[in-house]
């Protein structure tokens, strides 16, 4: 049985991964076959075209790898819902957007498999915290 020698976490645009930087050097230094990864990743994420997709790549000692696909990062979902480009650098004093509680609940439902929450209400509280740190208000 092969042992995990490295774990690589990265975010790449769904369906648009290329061997060019920044992915190529990261994967190459981990010993991953770059073209095999990009083909596999693009095929698996073609329904999320252009959206950021988080992955965890377990690299084994025989240079094979296993990819675990995560949901879109919380910040990307919040920015999309609020219609903003970036979060606030000064979240306590400068608010950059607002979302509704229904939108926060939708984001929580999407993120539920990746969150450490027992129910949807706890997941919504996690999303509220992310919004607060980004300078996004929930109405």
N, C-alpha and C. Protein backbone atom coordinates (compact mmCIF):
# COMPACT_ATOMS: atom_id res chain seq x y z
N UNK A 1 0.85 -1.18 0.00
CA UNK A 1 0.00 0.00 0.00
C UNK A 1 0.89 1.24 0.00
N UNK A 2 0.56 2.16 -0.87
CA UNK A 2 1.33 3.40 -0.99
C UNK A 2 1.01 4.33 0.17
N UNK A 3 2.02 5.06 0.61
CA UNK A 3 1.85 6.02 1.70
C UNK A 3 1.80 7.43 1.15
N UNK A 4 1.04 8.27 1.84
CA UNK A 4 0.94 9.68 1.45
C UNK A 4 2.25 10.37 1.81
N UNK A 5 2.89 10.98 0.82
CA UNK A 5 4.13 11.69 1.08
C UNK A 5 3.91 13.19 1.18
N UNK A 6 2.85 13.68 0.55
CA UNK A 6 2.60 15.11 0.53
C UNK A 6 1.11 15.38 0.37
N UNK A 7 0.64 16.45 1.00
CA UNK A 7 -0.72 16.94 0.80
C UNK A 7 -0.62 18.34 0.24
N UNK A 8 -1.26 18.58 -0.87
CA UNK A 8 -1.23 19.89 -1.50
C UNK A 8 -2.65 20.43 -1.52
N UNK A 9 -2.82 21.64 -0.99
CA UNK A 9 -4.12 22.31 -1.03
C UNK A 9 -3.99 23.49 -1.98
N UNK A 10 -4.96 23.59 -2.90
CA UNK A 10 -4.93 24.72 -3.81
C UNK A 10 -6.33 25.05 -4.31
N UNK A 11 -6.45 26.24 -4.88
CA UNK A 11 -7.70 26.71 -5.46
C UNK A 11 -7.40 27.03 -6.92
N UNK A 12 -8.24 26.47 -7.81
CA UNK A 12 -8.05 26.69 -9.24
C UNK A 12 -9.41 26.98 -9.87
N UNK A 13 -9.43 27.70 -10.99
CA UNK A 13 -10.70 27.97 -11.66
C UNK A 13 -11.26 26.69 -12.28
N UNK A 14 -12.51 26.40 -11.98
CA UNK A 14 -13.15 25.18 -12.47
C UNK A 14 -13.14 25.09 -13.98
N UNK A 15 -12.71 23.94 -14.49
CA UNK A 15 -12.71 23.68 -15.92
C UNK A 15 -11.64 24.42 -16.70
N UNK A 16 -10.79 25.19 -16.04
CA UNK A 16 -9.80 26.02 -16.73
C UNK A 16 -8.38 25.85 -16.20
N UNK A 17 -8.09 24.74 -15.56
CA UNK A 17 -6.74 24.52 -15.02
C UNK A 17 -5.76 24.31 -16.17
N UNK A 18 -4.60 24.94 -16.08
CA UNK A 18 -3.55 24.79 -17.09
C UNK A 18 -2.23 24.46 -16.39
N UNK A 19 -1.28 23.89 -17.12
CA UNK A 19 0.03 23.59 -16.52
C UNK A 19 0.87 24.84 -16.26
N UNK A 20 0.42 25.97 -16.70
CA UNK A 20 1.16 27.22 -16.51
C UNK A 20 1.12 27.63 -15.03
N UNK A 21 2.02 28.55 -14.64
CA UNK A 21 1.98 29.04 -13.26
C UNK A 21 0.61 29.64 -12.95
N UNK A 22 0.14 29.55 -11.75
CA UNK A 22 0.78 29.06 -10.54
C UNK A 22 0.64 27.56 -10.31
N UNK A 23 -0.25 26.87 -11.04
CA UNK A 23 -0.46 25.43 -10.76
C UNK A 23 0.74 24.57 -11.09
N UNK A 24 1.35 24.77 -12.24
CA UNK A 24 2.45 23.92 -12.70
C UNK A 24 3.57 23.78 -11.70
N UNK A 25 4.16 24.88 -11.24
CA UNK A 25 5.26 24.76 -10.28
C UNK A 25 4.86 24.10 -8.96
N UNK A 26 3.65 24.37 -8.49
CA UNK A 26 3.19 23.78 -7.23
C UNK A 26 3.08 22.26 -7.39
N UNK A 27 2.42 21.85 -8.48
CA UNK A 27 2.22 20.42 -8.71
C UNK A 27 3.54 19.71 -9.03
N UNK A 28 4.39 20.36 -9.81
CA UNK A 28 5.67 19.77 -10.17
C UNK A 28 6.55 19.53 -8.96
N UNK A 29 6.58 20.49 -8.04
CA UNK A 29 7.42 20.32 -6.84
C UNK A 29 6.87 19.23 -5.92
N UNK A 30 5.56 18.94 -6.06
CA UNK A 30 4.96 17.89 -5.24
C UNK A 30 5.12 16.51 -5.89
N UNK A 31 5.59 16.48 -7.14
CA UNK A 31 5.77 15.21 -7.83
C UNK A 31 4.52 14.71 -8.52
N UNK A 32 3.59 15.60 -8.83
CA UNK A 32 2.34 15.22 -9.49
C UNK A 32 2.51 15.36 -11.00
N UNK A 33 1.97 14.42 -11.76
CA UNK A 33 1.96 14.51 -13.21
C UNK A 33 1.00 15.65 -13.57
N UNK A 34 1.54 16.76 -14.02
CA UNK A 34 0.76 17.99 -14.20
C UNK A 34 -0.32 17.83 -15.26
N UNK A 35 0.01 17.25 -16.39
CA UNK A 35 -0.99 17.13 -17.46
C UNK A 35 -2.11 16.17 -17.06
N UNK A 36 -1.77 15.11 -16.34
CA UNK A 36 -2.79 14.18 -15.86
C UNK A 36 -3.73 14.87 -14.87
N UNK A 37 -3.15 15.67 -13.97
CA UNK A 37 -3.98 16.40 -13.00
C UNK A 37 -4.91 17.39 -13.70
N UNK A 38 -4.36 18.20 -14.62
CA UNK A 38 -5.18 19.22 -15.26
C UNK A 38 -6.32 18.60 -16.07
N UNK A 39 -6.04 17.49 -16.74
CA UNK A 39 -7.10 16.80 -17.50
C UNK A 39 -8.19 16.29 -16.56
N UNK A 40 -7.78 15.64 -15.50
CA UNK A 40 -8.73 15.08 -14.52
C UNK A 40 -9.52 16.21 -13.86
N UNK A 41 -8.84 17.27 -13.45
CA UNK A 41 -9.49 18.40 -12.78
C UNK A 41 -10.49 19.08 -13.70
N UNK A 42 -10.09 19.38 -14.93
CA UNK A 42 -10.98 20.07 -15.86
C UNK A 42 -12.21 19.24 -16.19
N UNK A 43 -12.04 17.93 -16.31
CA UNK A 43 -13.18 17.06 -16.58
C UNK A 43 -14.15 17.04 -15.40
N UNK A 44 -13.62 16.96 -14.19
CA UNK A 44 -14.45 16.87 -12.98
C UNK A 44 -15.15 18.19 -12.65
N UNK A 45 -14.57 19.32 -13.08
CA UNK A 45 -15.12 20.63 -12.70
C UNK A 45 -15.71 21.40 -13.87
N UNK A 46 -16.01 20.73 -14.96
CA UNK A 46 -16.53 21.45 -16.13
C UNK A 46 -17.88 22.10 -15.86
N UNK A 47 -18.66 21.59 -14.90
CA UNK A 47 -19.94 22.20 -14.56
C UNK A 47 -19.77 23.46 -13.70
N UNK A 48 -18.58 23.70 -13.17
CA UNK A 48 -18.29 24.89 -12.36
C UNK A 48 -17.34 25.82 -13.12
N UNK A 49 -17.50 25.91 -14.41
CA UNK A 49 -16.59 26.65 -15.29
C UNK A 49 -16.33 28.07 -14.78
N UNK A 50 -15.05 28.35 -14.52
CA UNK A 50 -14.62 29.68 -14.11
C UNK A 50 -14.72 29.97 -12.63
N UNK A 51 -15.52 29.22 -11.88
CA UNK A 51 -15.64 29.45 -10.44
C UNK A 51 -14.43 28.83 -9.73
N UNK A 52 -13.98 29.45 -8.65
CA UNK A 52 -12.85 28.85 -7.93
C UNK A 52 -13.27 27.55 -7.25
N UNK A 53 -12.44 26.53 -7.38
CA UNK A 53 -12.70 25.22 -6.78
C UNK A 53 -11.51 24.86 -5.90
N UNK A 54 -11.78 24.52 -4.65
CA UNK A 54 -10.74 24.09 -3.72
C UNK A 54 -10.52 22.60 -3.87
N UNK A 55 -9.27 22.19 -3.85
CA UNK A 55 -8.95 20.77 -3.92
C UNK A 55 -7.84 20.45 -2.91
N UNK A 56 -7.84 19.21 -2.46
CA UNK A 56 -6.76 18.67 -1.66
C UNK A 56 -6.22 17.50 -2.46
N UNK A 57 -4.91 17.53 -2.74
CA UNK A 57 -4.29 16.47 -3.52
C UNK A 57 -3.38 15.67 -2.59
N UNK A 58 -3.69 14.40 -2.43
CA UNK A 58 -2.84 13.49 -1.66
C UNK A 58 -1.87 12.85 -2.64
N UNK A 59 -0.59 13.08 -2.46
CA UNK A 59 0.44 12.53 -3.34
C UNK A 59 1.08 11.34 -2.61
N UNK A 60 1.13 10.20 -3.31
CA UNK A 60 1.66 8.97 -2.72
C UNK A 60 3.11 8.77 -3.13
N UNK A 61 3.81 7.89 -2.41
CA UNK A 61 5.23 7.67 -2.65
C UNK A 61 5.53 7.07 -4.03
N UNK A 62 4.54 6.46 -4.69
CA UNK A 62 4.76 5.93 -6.03
C UNK A 62 4.36 6.94 -7.12
N UNK A 63 4.25 8.23 -6.72
CA UNK A 63 3.95 9.37 -7.60
C UNK A 63 2.53 9.37 -8.15
N UNK A 64 1.65 8.53 -7.61
CA UNK A 64 0.24 8.62 -7.96
C UNK A 64 -0.39 9.65 -7.03
N UNK A 65 -1.60 10.07 -7.35
CA UNK A 65 -2.26 11.06 -6.52
C UNK A 65 -3.75 10.82 -6.48
N UNK A 66 -4.37 11.36 -5.46
CA UNK A 66 -5.82 11.29 -5.29
C UNK A 66 -6.30 12.71 -5.01
N UNK A 67 -7.32 13.13 -5.74
CA UNK A 67 -7.83 14.49 -5.60
C UNK A 67 -9.15 14.47 -4.85
N UNK A 68 -9.26 15.32 -3.83
CA UNK A 68 -10.50 15.49 -3.08
C UNK A 68 -11.03 16.88 -3.43
N UNK A 69 -12.21 16.92 -4.02
CA UNK A 69 -12.80 18.19 -4.44
C UNK A 69 -13.66 18.76 -3.32
N UNK A 70 -13.46 20.03 -3.04
CA UNK A 70 -14.23 20.74 -2.02
C UNK A 70 -15.19 21.70 -2.71
N UNK A 71 -16.04 22.33 -1.93
CA UNK A 71 -16.95 23.32 -2.50
C UNK A 71 -16.22 24.64 -2.74
N UNK A 72 -16.87 25.51 -3.47
CA UNK A 72 -16.30 26.83 -3.75
C UNK A 72 -16.01 27.54 -2.43
N UNK A 73 -14.90 28.28 -2.34
CA UNK A 73 -14.58 28.98 -1.09
C UNK A 73 -15.71 29.92 -0.65
N UNK A 74 -15.90 30.01 0.65
CA UNK A 74 -16.97 30.83 1.22
C UNK A 74 -16.87 32.28 0.77
N UNK A 75 -15.66 32.82 0.76
CA UNK A 75 -15.51 34.22 0.38
C UNK A 75 -15.96 34.47 -1.06
N UNK A 76 -15.69 33.52 -1.95
CA UNK A 76 -16.12 33.68 -3.35
C UNK A 76 -17.64 33.68 -3.45
N UNK A 77 -18.29 32.81 -2.68
CA UNK A 77 -19.76 32.76 -2.70
C UNK A 77 -20.36 34.05 -2.13
N UNK A 78 -19.75 34.58 -1.07
CA UNK A 78 -20.25 35.82 -0.46
C UNK A 78 -20.05 36.98 -1.43
N UNK A 79 -18.87 37.07 -2.05
CA UNK A 79 -18.63 38.16 -3.01
C UNK A 79 -19.60 38.10 -4.17
N UNK A 80 -19.90 36.90 -4.64
CA UNK A 80 -20.86 36.75 -5.75
C UNK A 80 -22.26 37.18 -5.32
N UNK A 81 -22.68 36.78 -4.13
CA UNK A 81 -24.01 37.13 -3.63
C UNK A 81 -24.14 38.63 -3.39
N UNK A 82 -23.08 39.26 -2.89
CA UNK A 82 -23.11 40.69 -2.59
C UNK A 82 -22.84 41.54 -3.83
N UNK A 83 -22.32 40.92 -4.88
CA UNK A 83 -22.01 41.67 -6.10
C UNK A 83 -20.81 42.59 -5.93
N UNK A 84 -19.82 42.14 -5.18
CA UNK A 84 -18.62 42.95 -4.95
C UNK A 84 -17.40 42.23 -5.50
N UNK A 85 -16.33 43.00 -5.70
CA UNK A 85 -15.10 42.42 -6.23
C UNK A 85 -14.18 41.93 -5.11
N UNK A 86 -14.06 42.71 -4.04
CA UNK A 86 -13.19 42.38 -2.92
C UNK A 86 -13.87 42.69 -1.60
N UNK A 87 -13.39 42.06 -0.54
CA UNK A 87 -13.86 42.38 0.79
C UNK A 87 -13.21 43.67 1.27
N UNK A 88 -13.64 44.11 2.44
CA UNK A 88 -13.12 45.35 3.01
C UNK A 88 -11.81 45.08 3.74
N UNK A 89 -10.86 45.97 3.57
CA UNK A 89 -9.62 45.88 4.33
C UNK A 89 -9.80 46.35 5.76
N UNK A 90 -10.85 47.15 5.98
CA UNK A 90 -11.16 47.67 7.32
C UNK A 90 -12.60 47.30 7.63
N UNK A 91 -12.82 46.04 7.94
CA UNK A 91 -14.17 45.51 8.08
C UNK A 91 -15.00 46.14 9.19
N UNK A 92 -14.37 46.68 10.21
CA UNK A 92 -15.14 47.28 11.31
C UNK A 92 -15.68 48.67 10.95
N UNK A 93 -14.97 49.40 10.10
CA UNK A 93 -15.38 50.76 9.79
C UNK A 93 -15.93 50.92 8.37
N UNK A 94 -15.48 50.10 7.45
CA UNK A 94 -15.90 50.25 6.06
C UNK A 94 -16.64 49.00 5.59
N UNK A 95 -17.93 49.16 5.33
CA UNK A 95 -18.75 48.07 4.83
C UNK A 95 -18.79 48.16 3.30
N UNK A 96 -18.62 47.03 2.63
CA UNK A 96 -18.53 47.05 1.17
C UNK A 96 -19.75 46.47 0.48
N UNK A 97 -20.64 45.83 1.21
CA UNK A 97 -21.82 45.26 0.58
C UNK A 97 -22.75 44.64 1.60
N UNK A 98 -23.89 44.18 1.10
CA UNK A 98 -24.88 43.52 1.96
C UNK A 98 -25.44 42.29 1.24
N UNK A 99 -25.82 41.31 2.05
CA UNK A 99 -26.56 40.17 1.53
C UNK A 99 -27.76 39.95 2.46
N UNK A 100 -28.72 39.18 1.99
CA UNK A 100 -29.89 38.89 2.82
C UNK A 100 -29.64 37.63 3.63
N UNK A 101 -30.46 37.41 4.62
CA UNK A 101 -30.35 36.21 5.44
C UNK A 101 -30.63 34.97 4.58
N UNK A 102 -31.53 35.11 3.60
CA UNK A 102 -31.81 33.99 2.69
C UNK A 102 -30.58 33.62 1.88
N UNK A 103 -29.84 34.63 1.42
CA UNK A 103 -28.61 34.37 0.67
C UNK A 103 -27.57 33.68 1.57
N UNK A 104 -27.49 34.12 2.83
CA UNK A 104 -26.56 33.50 3.77
C UNK A 104 -26.93 32.04 3.99
N UNK A 105 -28.22 31.75 4.07
CA UNK A 105 -28.69 30.38 4.26
C UNK A 105 -28.36 29.53 3.02
N UNK A 106 -28.52 30.09 1.82
CA UNK A 106 -28.18 29.38 0.59
C UNK A 106 -26.68 29.03 0.56
N UNK A 107 -25.86 30.00 0.93
CA UNK A 107 -24.41 29.78 0.97
C UNK A 107 -24.09 28.68 1.99
N UNK A 108 -24.75 28.72 3.14
CA UNK A 108 -24.53 27.71 4.18
C UNK A 108 -24.92 26.31 3.67
N UNK A 109 -26.00 26.23 2.90
CA UNK A 109 -26.43 24.94 2.36
C UNK A 109 -25.41 24.41 1.35
N UNK A 110 -24.84 25.31 0.55
CA UNK A 110 -23.81 24.90 -0.41
C UNK A 110 -22.56 24.41 0.32
N UNK A 111 -22.16 25.15 1.37
CA UNK A 111 -20.92 24.86 2.09
C UNK A 111 -21.07 23.77 3.16
N UNK A 112 -22.26 23.33 3.44
CA UNK A 112 -22.51 22.38 4.54
C UNK A 112 -21.59 21.16 4.53
N UNK A 113 -21.29 20.52 3.38
CA UNK A 113 -20.41 19.34 3.44
C UNK A 113 -18.99 19.66 3.94
N UNK A 114 -18.53 20.88 3.77
CA UNK A 114 -17.17 21.24 4.16
C UNK A 114 -17.09 21.93 5.52
N UNK A 115 -18.23 22.29 6.10
CA UNK A 115 -18.22 23.02 7.36
C UNK A 115 -18.29 22.06 8.54
N UNK A 116 -17.76 22.51 9.66
CA UNK A 116 -17.80 21.75 10.90
C UNK A 116 -19.03 22.19 11.68
N UNK A 117 -20.21 21.86 11.14
CA UNK A 117 -21.46 22.28 11.76
C UNK A 117 -22.41 21.09 11.79
N UNK A 118 -23.20 21.01 12.86
CA UNK A 118 -24.14 19.91 13.01
C UNK A 118 -25.45 20.14 12.26
N UNK A 119 -25.85 21.42 12.13
CA UNK A 119 -27.10 21.71 11.44
C UNK A 119 -26.95 23.01 10.65
N UNK A 120 -27.98 23.33 9.91
CA UNK A 120 -27.92 24.49 9.02
C UNK A 120 -27.83 25.81 9.79
N UNK A 121 -28.42 25.87 10.98
CA UNK A 121 -28.36 27.11 11.77
C UNK A 121 -26.92 27.41 12.21
N UNK A 122 -26.19 26.38 12.60
CA UNK A 122 -24.78 26.57 12.96
C UNK A 122 -23.96 26.98 11.73
N UNK A 123 -24.29 26.39 10.58
CA UNK A 123 -23.59 26.73 9.34
C UNK A 123 -23.83 28.19 8.97
N UNK A 124 -25.05 28.67 9.18
CA UNK A 124 -25.37 30.08 8.88
C UNK A 124 -24.54 30.99 9.78
N UNK A 125 -24.34 30.62 11.04
CA UNK A 125 -23.52 31.44 11.94
C UNK A 125 -22.08 31.51 11.46
N UNK A 126 -21.56 30.42 10.90
CA UNK A 126 -20.21 30.42 10.35
C UNK A 126 -20.14 31.38 9.16
N UNK A 127 -21.15 31.35 8.31
CA UNK A 127 -21.21 32.25 7.14
C UNK A 127 -21.32 33.69 7.61
N UNK A 128 -22.11 33.95 8.66
CA UNK A 128 -22.22 35.30 9.20
C UNK A 128 -20.86 35.81 9.67
N UNK A 129 -20.08 34.95 10.30
CA UNK A 129 -18.75 35.34 10.74
C UNK A 129 -17.84 35.68 9.57
N UNK A 130 -17.92 34.92 8.51
CA UNK A 130 -17.14 35.21 7.31
C UNK A 130 -17.55 36.54 6.71
N UNK A 131 -18.85 36.80 6.67
CA UNK A 131 -19.35 38.07 6.16
C UNK A 131 -18.82 39.24 6.99
N UNK A 132 -18.87 39.08 8.29
CA UNK A 132 -18.41 40.13 9.20
C UNK A 132 -16.94 40.45 8.97
N UNK A 133 -16.13 39.41 8.78
CA UNK A 133 -14.70 39.65 8.58
C UNK A 133 -14.38 40.23 7.21
N UNK A 134 -15.33 40.12 6.27
CA UNK A 134 -15.14 40.68 4.94
C UNK A 134 -15.70 42.09 4.82
N UNK A 135 -16.46 42.54 5.82
CA UNK A 135 -17.10 43.84 5.74
C UNK A 135 -18.40 43.81 4.98
N UNK A 136 -19.07 42.66 5.00
CA UNK A 136 -20.37 42.49 4.33
C UNK A 136 -21.43 42.36 5.42
N UNK A 137 -22.46 43.17 5.31
CA UNK A 137 -23.55 43.15 6.29
C UNK A 137 -24.62 42.17 5.83
N UNK A 138 -25.32 41.57 6.82
CA UNK A 138 -26.45 40.69 6.53
C UNK A 138 -27.70 41.38 7.02
N UNK A 139 -28.63 41.57 6.12
CA UNK A 139 -29.91 42.24 6.46
C UNK A 139 -31.01 41.23 6.60
